[in-house]
Amino acid sequence: MSEVLDEGRGVDLVKDLKLRSLPQAPIETILLLESEDPTLVREALSGPSNVVLAEERLNLHAIIHAWDSILNGERFVDPFLSASLFQQGDPHAHGLSIRERMVLQLICDGLTNREISEQLTIAETTARGHVQSIMRKLDVRHRTAAAVEGIRRRLVS
């Protein structure tokens, strides 16, 4: 569902649906945000929706990843939404660019360089370069350590 509804807000509807959901028949939800307003993004990220996507950056890969997440009982948040929260502060805090923070979020989500390149519509070599740059800036030797360090430093959600 979209965040903007004729009869209210999508975030509120998701909360209501989850309250009505039965354990034996859970209601799975996908929330599509039209705005990247930081207050709205924070509210959506803290809400109960199974999937939170950014309408502006919606693509087939994001939809497939969201569907797979629901089937696997996992939560999926569009990495662009997490990155939009960082745009409010210093975009180069901790030495990572906004794009590198997006890539770091995708690393945390378990994506390979190829999957990162598809998600961000960049070349696989560019994705690999971002991953190497992130590891160098975080002073780690492998992707898993980069993910752990990114979470520890609160660079990703």
Protein backbone atom coordinates (compact mmCIF):
# COMPACT_ATOMS: atom_id res chain seq x y z
CA MET A 1 0.00 0.00 0.00
CA SER A 2 1.01 3.59 -0.49
CA GLU A 3 1.73 5.99 2.34
CA VAL A 4 -0.71 8.49 0.84
CA LEU A 5 -4.31 7.22 0.97
CA ASP A 6 -7.64 8.97 0.41
CA GLU A 7 -8.86 7.91 3.85
CA GLY A 8 -5.68 8.30 5.93
CA ARG A 9 -2.04 7.34 6.10
CA GLY A 10 -0.51 4.05 5.00
CA VAL A 11 1.67 3.83 8.14
CA ASP A 12 -1.46 3.91 10.31
CA LEU A 13 -3.25 1.35 8.14
CA VAL A 14 -0.29 -1.05 8.40
CA LYS A 15 -0.38 -0.74 12.21
CA ASP A 16 -4.11 -1.44 12.22
CA LEU A 17 -3.75 -4.45 9.90
CA LYS A 18 -0.99 -5.92 12.06
CA LEU A 19 -3.18 -5.54 15.17
CA ARG A 20 -5.95 -7.48 13.39
CA SER A 21 -3.56 -10.16 12.15
CA LEU A 22 -3.92 -13.65 13.61
CA PRO A 23 -0.83 -15.76 14.45
CA GLN A 24 -2.06 -18.62 12.26
CA ALA A 25 -2.81 -16.25 9.35
CA PRO A 26 -0.47 -13.23 9.57
CA ILE A 27 -1.09 -10.25 7.32
CA GLU A 28 2.07 -9.41 5.38
CA THR A 29 2.41 -5.76 4.33
CA ILE A 30 4.42 -3.74 1.87
CA LEU A 31 4.49 0.00 2.48
CA LEU A 32 5.38 2.26 -0.44
CA LEU A 33 6.58 5.73 0.57
CA GLU A 34 6.04 8.60 -1.85
CA SER A 35 8.14 10.96 0.26
CA GLU A 36 11.62 10.61 1.70
CA ASP A 37 10.80 13.04 4.50
CA PRO A 38 13.06 11.95 7.41
CA THR A 39 10.23 12.02 9.96
CA LEU A 40 8.04 9.82 7.79
CA VAL A 41 10.93 7.48 6.96
CA ARG A 42 11.78 7.05 10.66
CA GLU A 43 8.13 6.33 11.46
CA ALA A 44 7.89 3.79 8.64
CA LEU A 45 11.15 2.10 9.63
CA SER A 46 10.03 1.78 13.24
CA GLY A 47 6.60 0.49 12.17
CA PRO A 48 5.52 -3.13 11.74
CA SER A 49 5.50 -3.31 7.92
CA ASN A 50 7.27 -6.34 6.47
CA VAL A 51 8.62 -4.30 3.57
CA VAL A 52 9.24 -0.55 3.20
CA LEU A 53 10.02 0.71 -0.31
CA ALA A 54 10.68 4.13 -1.83
CA GLU A 55 8.29 4.82 -4.72
CA GLU A 56 10.76 7.10 -6.46
CA ARG A 57 13.36 4.34 -6.72
CA LEU A 58 11.04 1.38 -7.21
CA ASN A 59 12.38 -1.20 -9.65
CA LEU A 60 11.89 -4.87 -10.44
CA HIS A 61 14.90 -5.95 -8.37
CA ALA A 62 13.52 -4.21 -5.26
CA ILE A 63 10.13 -5.86 -5.76
CA ILE A 64 11.69 -9.30 -6.16
CA HIS A 65 13.90 -8.77 -3.09
CA ALA A 66 10.86 -7.60 -1.10
CA TRP A 67 8.82 -10.64 -2.16
CA ASP A 68 11.67 -13.02 -1.30
CA SER A 69 12.00 -11.35 2.11
CA ILE A 70 8.32 -11.92 2.84
CA LEU A 71 8.54 -15.55 1.74
CA ASN A 72 11.58 -16.05 4.00
CA GLY A 73 9.95 -14.32 6.97
CA GLU A 74 12.44 -11.44 6.86
CA ARG A 75 12.01 -7.69 6.81
CA PHE A 76 13.22 -5.64 3.84
CA VAL A 77 13.84 -1.90 3.84
CA ASP A 78 14.86 -0.08 0.68
CA PRO A 79 18.48 0.99 1.30
CA PHE A 80 17.76 4.38 -0.29
CA LEU A 81 15.39 5.17 2.57
CA SER A 82 18.05 4.49 5.17
CA ALA A 83 20.47 6.64 3.20
CA SER A 84 17.96 9.49 3.01
CA LEU A 85 18.12 9.76 6.81
CA PHE A 86 21.86 10.37 6.63
CA GLN A 87 21.43 13.22 4.14
CA GLN A 88 20.19 15.41 6.97
CA GLY A 89 23.55 15.33 8.74
CA ASP A 90 27.09 15.47 7.48
CA PRO A 91 27.09 13.29 4.34
CA HIS A 92 30.78 12.47 4.83
CA ALA A 93 30.65 11.59 8.54
CA HIS A 94 32.94 8.63 9.29
CA GLY A 95 34.51 9.08 5.87
CA LEU A 96 31.75 7.29 3.92
CA SER A 97 29.85 8.98 1.14
CA ILE A 98 26.07 8.63 0.91
CA ARG A 99 26.52 6.13 -1.93
CA GLU A 100 28.97 4.10 0.16
CA ARG A 101 26.44 4.03 3.00
CA MET A 102 23.86 2.67 0.55
CA VAL A 103 26.31 -0.03 -0.50
CA LEU A 104 27.14 -0.78 3.13
CA GLN A 105 23.43 -1.26 3.87
CA LEU A 106 23.22 -3.71 0.97
CA ILE A 107 26.28 -5.55 2.29
CA CYS A 108 24.50 -5.82 5.64
CA ASP A 109 21.48 -7.22 3.79
CA GLY A 110 23.75 -9.97 2.43
CA LEU A 111 23.88 -8.89 -1.21
CA THR A 112 26.77 -9.86 -3.49
CA ASN A 113 28.59 -7.32 -5.65
CA ARG A 114 26.47 -8.41 -8.62
CA GLU A 115 23.23 -7.96 -6.63
CA ILE A 116 24.44 -4.57 -5.36
CA SER A 117 25.15 -3.49 -8.94
CA GLU A 118 21.65 -4.58 -10.01
CA GLN A 119 19.99 -2.86 -7.05
CA LEU A 120 21.80 0.44 -7.62
CA THR A 121 21.93 0.11 -11.43
CA ILE A 122 25.72 0.46 -11.56
CA ALA A 123 28.44 -1.73 -13.07
CA GLU A 124 29.56 -4.71 -11.01
CA THR A 125 33.13 -3.33 -11.04
CA THR A 126 31.81 -0.07 -9.59
CA ALA A 127 30.03 -1.99 -6.83
CA ARG A 128 33.24 -3.89 -6.11
CA GLY A 129 35.13 -0.58 -5.96
CA HIS A 130 32.62 0.81 -3.45
CA VAL A 131 32.93 -2.32 -1.30
CA GLN A 132 36.74 -2.10 -1.33
CA SER A 133 36.60 1.61 -0.48
CA ILE A 134 34.23 0.92 2.42
CA MET A 135 36.49 -1.81 3.78
CA ARG A 136 39.52 0.48 3.50
CA LYS A 137 37.75 3.40 5.23
CA LEU A 138 36.40 1.18 8.01
CA ASP A 139 39.82 -0.51 8.34
CA VAL A 140 38.49 -4.05 7.94
CA ARG A 141 39.57 -7.00 5.81
CA HIS A 142 36.30 -8.50 4.60
CA ARG A 143 32.63 -7.75 3.90
CA THR A 144 31.31 -9.33 7.07
CA ALA A 145 33.62 -7.21 9.18
CA ALA A 146 32.48 -4.13 7.23
CA ALA A 147 28.86 -4.99 8.01
CA VAL A 148 29.62 -5.50 11.70
CA GLU A 149 31.61 -2.26 11.88
CA GLY A 150 28.89 -0.35 10.02
CA ILE A 151 26.29 -1.55 12.51
CA ARG A 152 28.60 -0.87 15.47
CA ARG A 153 29.19 2.71 14.29
CA ARG A 154 25.48 3.12 13.48
CA LEU A 155 26.21 3.91 9.85
CA VAL A 156 23.37 1.64 8.74
CA SER A 157 20.00 0.73 10.15
